[in-house]
């Protein structure tokens, strides 16, 4: 079943094999029960912050301890920041753990793609704002984020390429594959742009298969993949 208000966005399978969804149309994080089946049911994980309905959860990642980190821009609302249904003044990044929702970031204009470093010491967040096209990185300290930095600034690329920063994934080598201006940007862990994969249309998200043999990309109505022969030592 699809929401009448825009359906789901980011998806992830947790350690129990359950499908967790950012239902940006229904403005909640949900779990798909009895999946896969002909008649699955959605169970709400969280749909509000301090009693105010979430904007429209967009993308998510899960840590090894089961904590869910997710972004909450206004894209599921017809008039976005100006929509009368918007109950939260900012567009946040949150952590959900032990049935508690904690606000981590409230100063990004359009938080979108999100990923944890392989050692889970850093959190990367893509900002899908054409005026502020950046990827930020934060050090995770206890239950908070510190040392905010701009990891990659896409302003120059955005001048001559279509697309905004959206979903991103981190390769086992630590290299970031980030959808953005021009396609999927390959960025090393120092923030150096190594190259771009251009599938011919604007890319919204990407994911590796388990062996990292292929990179899958979603764009408009298309799902494409490309064979990955990536050796970070060659750069």
Protein backbone atom coordinates (compact mmCIF):
# COMPACT_ATOMS: atom_id res chain seq x y z
CA UNK A 1 0.00 0.00 0.00
CA UNK A 2 1.20 3.50 -0.85
CA UNK A 3 0.45 6.63 1.10
CA UNK A 4 -1.87 9.07 -0.61
CA UNK A 5 0.63 11.76 0.36
CA UNK A 6 3.76 10.46 -1.30
CA UNK A 7 4.59 7.00 0.02
CA UNK A 8 7.96 5.88 1.33
CA UNK A 9 11.47 7.18 0.81
CA UNK A 10 14.57 5.72 2.47
CA UNK A 11 14.54 1.99 3.27
CA UNK A 12 16.78 -0.25 5.34
CA UNK A 13 16.69 -3.81 6.68
CA UNK A 14 17.60 -4.14 10.35
CA UNK A 15 19.49 -6.97 12.04
CA UNK A 16 16.23 -8.90 12.55
CA UNK A 17 15.49 -8.82 8.83
CA UNK A 18 12.68 -6.28 9.25
CA UNK A 19 12.15 -3.57 6.65
CA UNK A 20 12.28 -0.07 8.18
CA UNK A 21 10.82 2.75 6.09
CA UNK A 22 10.92 6.52 6.05
CA UNK A 23 7.28 7.13 5.14
CA UNK A 24 7.66 10.75 4.18
CA UNK A 25 4.04 10.98 3.04
CA UNK A 26 2.70 9.61 6.32
CA UNK A 27 5.35 11.61 8.23
CA UNK A 28 6.71 8.74 10.29
CA UNK A 29 9.26 5.98 10.62
CA UNK A 30 7.53 2.64 10.23
CA UNK A 31 8.27 -1.07 10.27
CA UNK A 32 6.76 -3.43 7.72
CA UNK A 33 5.30 -6.36 9.64
CA UNK A 34 4.93 -9.83 8.12
CA UNK A 35 7.30 -8.95 5.30
CA UNK A 36 7.32 -10.22 2.64
CA UNK A 37 3.66 -11.19 2.39
CA UNK A 38 0.58 -10.40 0.33
CA UNK A 39 -0.98 -8.37 3.13
CA UNK A 40 1.78 -6.60 5.03
CA UNK A 41 1.01 -4.11 7.78
CA UNK A 42 2.91 -1.02 8.81
CA UNK A 43 3.77 -0.44 12.46
CA UNK A 44 4.69 3.08 13.54
CA UNK A 45 8.13 3.38 15.13
CA UNK A 46 8.00 7.13 15.75
CA UNK A 47 5.92 9.94 14.27
CA UNK A 48 6.50 12.97 16.49
CA UNK A 49 9.11 15.00 18.32
CA UNK A 50 7.95 16.42 21.65
CA UNK A 51 4.36 15.97 20.54
CA UNK A 52 4.81 17.70 17.17
CA UNK A 53 4.35 15.62 14.03
CA UNK A 54 7.57 15.00 12.09
CA UNK A 55 8.04 16.89 8.81
CA UNK A 56 8.62 14.00 6.40
CA UNK A 57 11.34 11.47 7.27
CA UNK A 58 13.60 11.05 4.26
CA UNK A 59 16.58 8.75 4.75
CA UNK A 60 18.05 6.63 7.51
CA UNK A 61 20.87 4.43 8.69
CA UNK A 62 21.13 1.96 11.58
CA UNK A 63 24.09 1.46 13.91
CA UNK A 64 25.27 -1.89 15.21
CA UNK A 65 23.40 -1.36 18.49
CA UNK A 66 20.12 -0.82 16.63
CA UNK A 67 19.98 2.97 16.91
CA UNK A 68 18.20 4.58 13.95
CA UNK A 69 19.60 7.85 12.63
CA UNK A 70 17.31 9.68 10.20
CA UNK A 71 16.77 12.99 8.43
CA UNK A 72 13.53 14.97 8.45
CA UNK A 73 13.31 17.61 5.69
CA UNK A 74 9.96 19.06 4.53
CA UNK A 75 9.75 17.39 1.09
CA UNK A 76 6.61 15.41 1.92
CA UNK A 77 4.68 18.61 2.58
CA UNK A 78 3.08 20.37 -0.39
CA UNK A 79 4.48 23.79 0.51
CA UNK A 80 7.53 22.49 2.37
CA UNK A 81 8.70 25.00 5.01
CA UNK A 82 5.68 27.23 4.40
CA UNK A 83 3.12 24.44 4.70
CA UNK A 84 0.42 25.01 7.30
CA UNK A 85 0.74 21.37 8.39
CA UNK A 86 4.38 21.78 9.37
CA UNK A 87 4.58 21.61 13.17
CA UNK A 88 8.36 21.68 13.66
CA UNK A 89 10.13 24.95 12.86
CA UNK A 90 13.41 23.32 11.76
CA UNK A 91 14.43 20.41 9.54
CA UNK A 92 16.20 18.01 11.84
CA UNK A 93 18.39 14.97 12.12
CA UNK A 94 17.40 12.54 14.85
CA UNK A 95 18.48 9.41 16.68
CA UNK A 96 15.89 6.88 17.80
CA UNK A 97 16.95 4.36 20.44
CA UNK A 98 15.15 2.53 23.25
CA UNK A 99 11.84 4.15 22.24
CA UNK A 100 13.31 7.63 22.73
CA UNK A 101 13.80 10.24 20.01
CA UNK A 102 16.77 12.60 20.38
CA UNK A 103 17.36 15.66 18.21
CA UNK A 104 20.95 15.76 16.96
CA UNK A 105 21.00 18.54 14.33
CA UNK A 106 18.67 21.47 13.70
CA UNK A 107 20.78 23.87 11.63
CA UNK A 108 20.74 22.27 8.16
CA UNK A 109 18.30 23.66 5.61
CA UNK A 110 17.56 20.37 3.81
CA UNK A 111 19.09 17.34 5.59
CA UNK A 112 18.73 14.36 3.30
CA UNK A 113 21.15 11.45 2.81
CA UNK A 114 22.76 10.05 5.94
CA UNK A 115 25.45 7.46 6.67
CA UNK A 116 27.69 6.25 9.48
CA UNK A 117 31.40 5.69 9.02
CA UNK A 118 32.45 2.05 9.13
CA UNK A 119 33.77 2.42 12.69
CA UNK A 120 30.59 4.36 13.63
CA UNK A 121 32.65 7.23 15.02
CA UNK A 122 31.40 9.74 12.44
CA UNK A 123 28.05 10.68 10.93
CA UNK A 124 27.75 12.11 7.41
CA UNK A 125 24.71 14.14 6.33
CA UNK A 126 23.98 15.44 2.82
CA UNK A 127 22.21 18.79 2.48
CA UNK A 128 20.01 18.84 -0.64
CA UNK A 129 19.77 22.61 -0.95
CA UNK A 130 20.80 24.12 -4.30
CA UNK A 131 22.04 27.20 -2.45
CA UNK A 132 23.99 25.23 0.17
CA UNK A 133 25.08 21.99 -1.58
CA UNK A 134 27.26 20.42 1.08
CA UNK A 135 27.98 17.18 2.89
CA UNK A 136 28.70 17.68 6.58
CA UNK A 137 30.46 15.32 8.96
CA UNK A 138 30.19 15.08 12.75
CA UNK A 139 32.11 13.17 15.37
CA UNK A 140 29.87 11.00 17.53
CA UNK A 141 30.61 11.51 21.22
CA UNK A 142 28.50 9.60 23.73
CA UNK A 143 24.95 10.49 22.68
CA UNK A 144 25.72 13.76 20.90
CA UNK A 145 27.49 15.10 17.81
CA UNK A 146 30.56 17.34 18.04
CA UNK A 147 33.14 18.93 15.72
CA UNK A 148 30.79 19.75 12.84
CA UNK A 149 32.71 20.22 9.57
CA UNK A 150 31.92 20.66 5.91
CA UNK A 151 33.24 17.40 4.49
CA UNK A 152 32.54 18.29 0.85
CA UNK A 153 31.29 21.48 -0.79
CA UNK A 154 29.52 20.85 -4.09
CA UNK A 155 28.95 24.51 -5.04
CA UNK A 156 31.36 24.44 -7.99
CA UNK A 157 29.94 21.18 -9.36
CA UNK A 158 26.39 22.45 -8.94
CA UNK A 159 27.08 25.38 -11.29
CA UNK A 160 27.55 23.09 -14.30
CA UNK A 161 25.79 19.84 -13.36
CA UNK A 162 22.20 18.85 -12.68
CA UNK A 163 21.14 17.21 -9.45
CA UNK A 164 21.36 17.82 -5.72
CA UNK A 165 22.97 15.90 -2.88
CA UNK A 166 20.65 13.10 -1.83
CA UNK A 167 21.42 9.56 -0.67
CA UNK A 168 24.94 8.37 0.09
CA UNK A 169 26.66 5.13 1.04
CA UNK A 170 30.08 4.32 2.45
CA UNK A 171 32.25 1.64 0.85
CA UNK A 172 34.16 -0.80 3.08
CA UNK A 173 37.32 1.14 2.18
CA UNK A 174 35.84 4.27 3.75
CA UNK A 175 35.21 5.97 0.41
CA UNK A 176 31.88 7.79 0.12
CA UNK A 177 29.60 7.25 -2.87
CA UNK A 178 27.25 10.24 -2.78
CA UNK A 179 24.46 11.12 -5.18
CA UNK A 180 24.82 14.75 -6.17
CA UNK A 181 25.50 17.20 -8.99
CA UNK A 182 26.39 15.17 -12.08
CA UNK A 183 25.58 11.69 -10.78
CA UNK A 184 27.20 9.63 -8.02
CA UNK A 185 30.29 11.34 -6.66
CA UNK A 186 33.18 9.19 -5.42
CA UNK A 187 34.83 11.00 -2.52
CA UNK A 188 37.69 9.66 -0.39
CA UNK A 189 37.67 9.90 3.39
CA UNK A 190 39.60 13.18 3.30
CA UNK A 191 36.94 14.87 1.16
CA UNK A 192 38.81 14.62 -2.17
CA UNK A 193 36.57 14.16 -5.22
CA UNK A 194 37.96 11.15 -7.09
CA UNK A 195 35.42 10.90 -9.88
CA UNK A 196 31.74 10.70 -10.81
CA UNK A 197 29.48 7.93 -12.10
CA UNK A 198 26.92 9.44 -14.48
CA UNK A 199 24.05 7.07 -15.36
CA UNK A 200 22.42 9.68 -17.60
CA UNK A 201 19.77 10.99 -15.22
CA UNK A 202 19.59 12.60 -11.80
CA UNK A 203 20.31 10.02 -9.10
CA UNK A 204 18.30 10.00 -5.86
CA UNK A 205 19.97 7.18 -3.94
CA UNK A 206 22.43 4.33 -4.23
CA UNK A 207 23.38 1.08 -2.53
CA UNK A 208 25.95 -1.70 -2.78
CA UNK A 209 25.24 -5.40 -2.93
CA UNK A 210 26.66 -7.46 -0.07
CA UNK A 211 29.94 -8.22 -1.86
CA UNK A 212 30.27 -4.66 -3.20
CA UNK A 213 30.45 -6.01 -6.74
CA UNK A 214 27.72 -3.65 -7.95
CA UNK A 215 26.43 -0.19 -7.17
CA UNK A 216 22.67 0.16 -7.59
CA UNK A 217 21.23 3.60 -8.36
CA UNK A 218 17.67 4.94 -8.30
CA UNK A 219 16.71 7.84 -10.56
CA UNK A 220 13.23 8.95 -11.56
CA UNK A 221 11.50 5.71 -12.65
CA UNK A 222 14.73 3.81 -13.22
CA UNK A 223 16.77 1.35 -11.20
CA UNK A 224 20.23 0.89 -12.69
CA UNK A 225 23.43 -0.80 -11.61
CA UNK A 226 27.08 -0.63 -12.51
CA UNK A 227 29.88 -3.11 -11.93
CA UNK A 228 32.30 -1.82 -9.31
CA UNK A 229 36.00 -2.56 -9.66
CA UNK A 230 37.09 -0.14 -6.99
CA UNK A 231 40.60 -0.12 -5.59
CA UNK A 232 41.21 2.89 -3.33
CA UNK A 233 44.97 2.37 -3.63
CA UNK A 234 44.78 3.27 -7.34
CA UNK A 235 43.93 6.89 -6.53
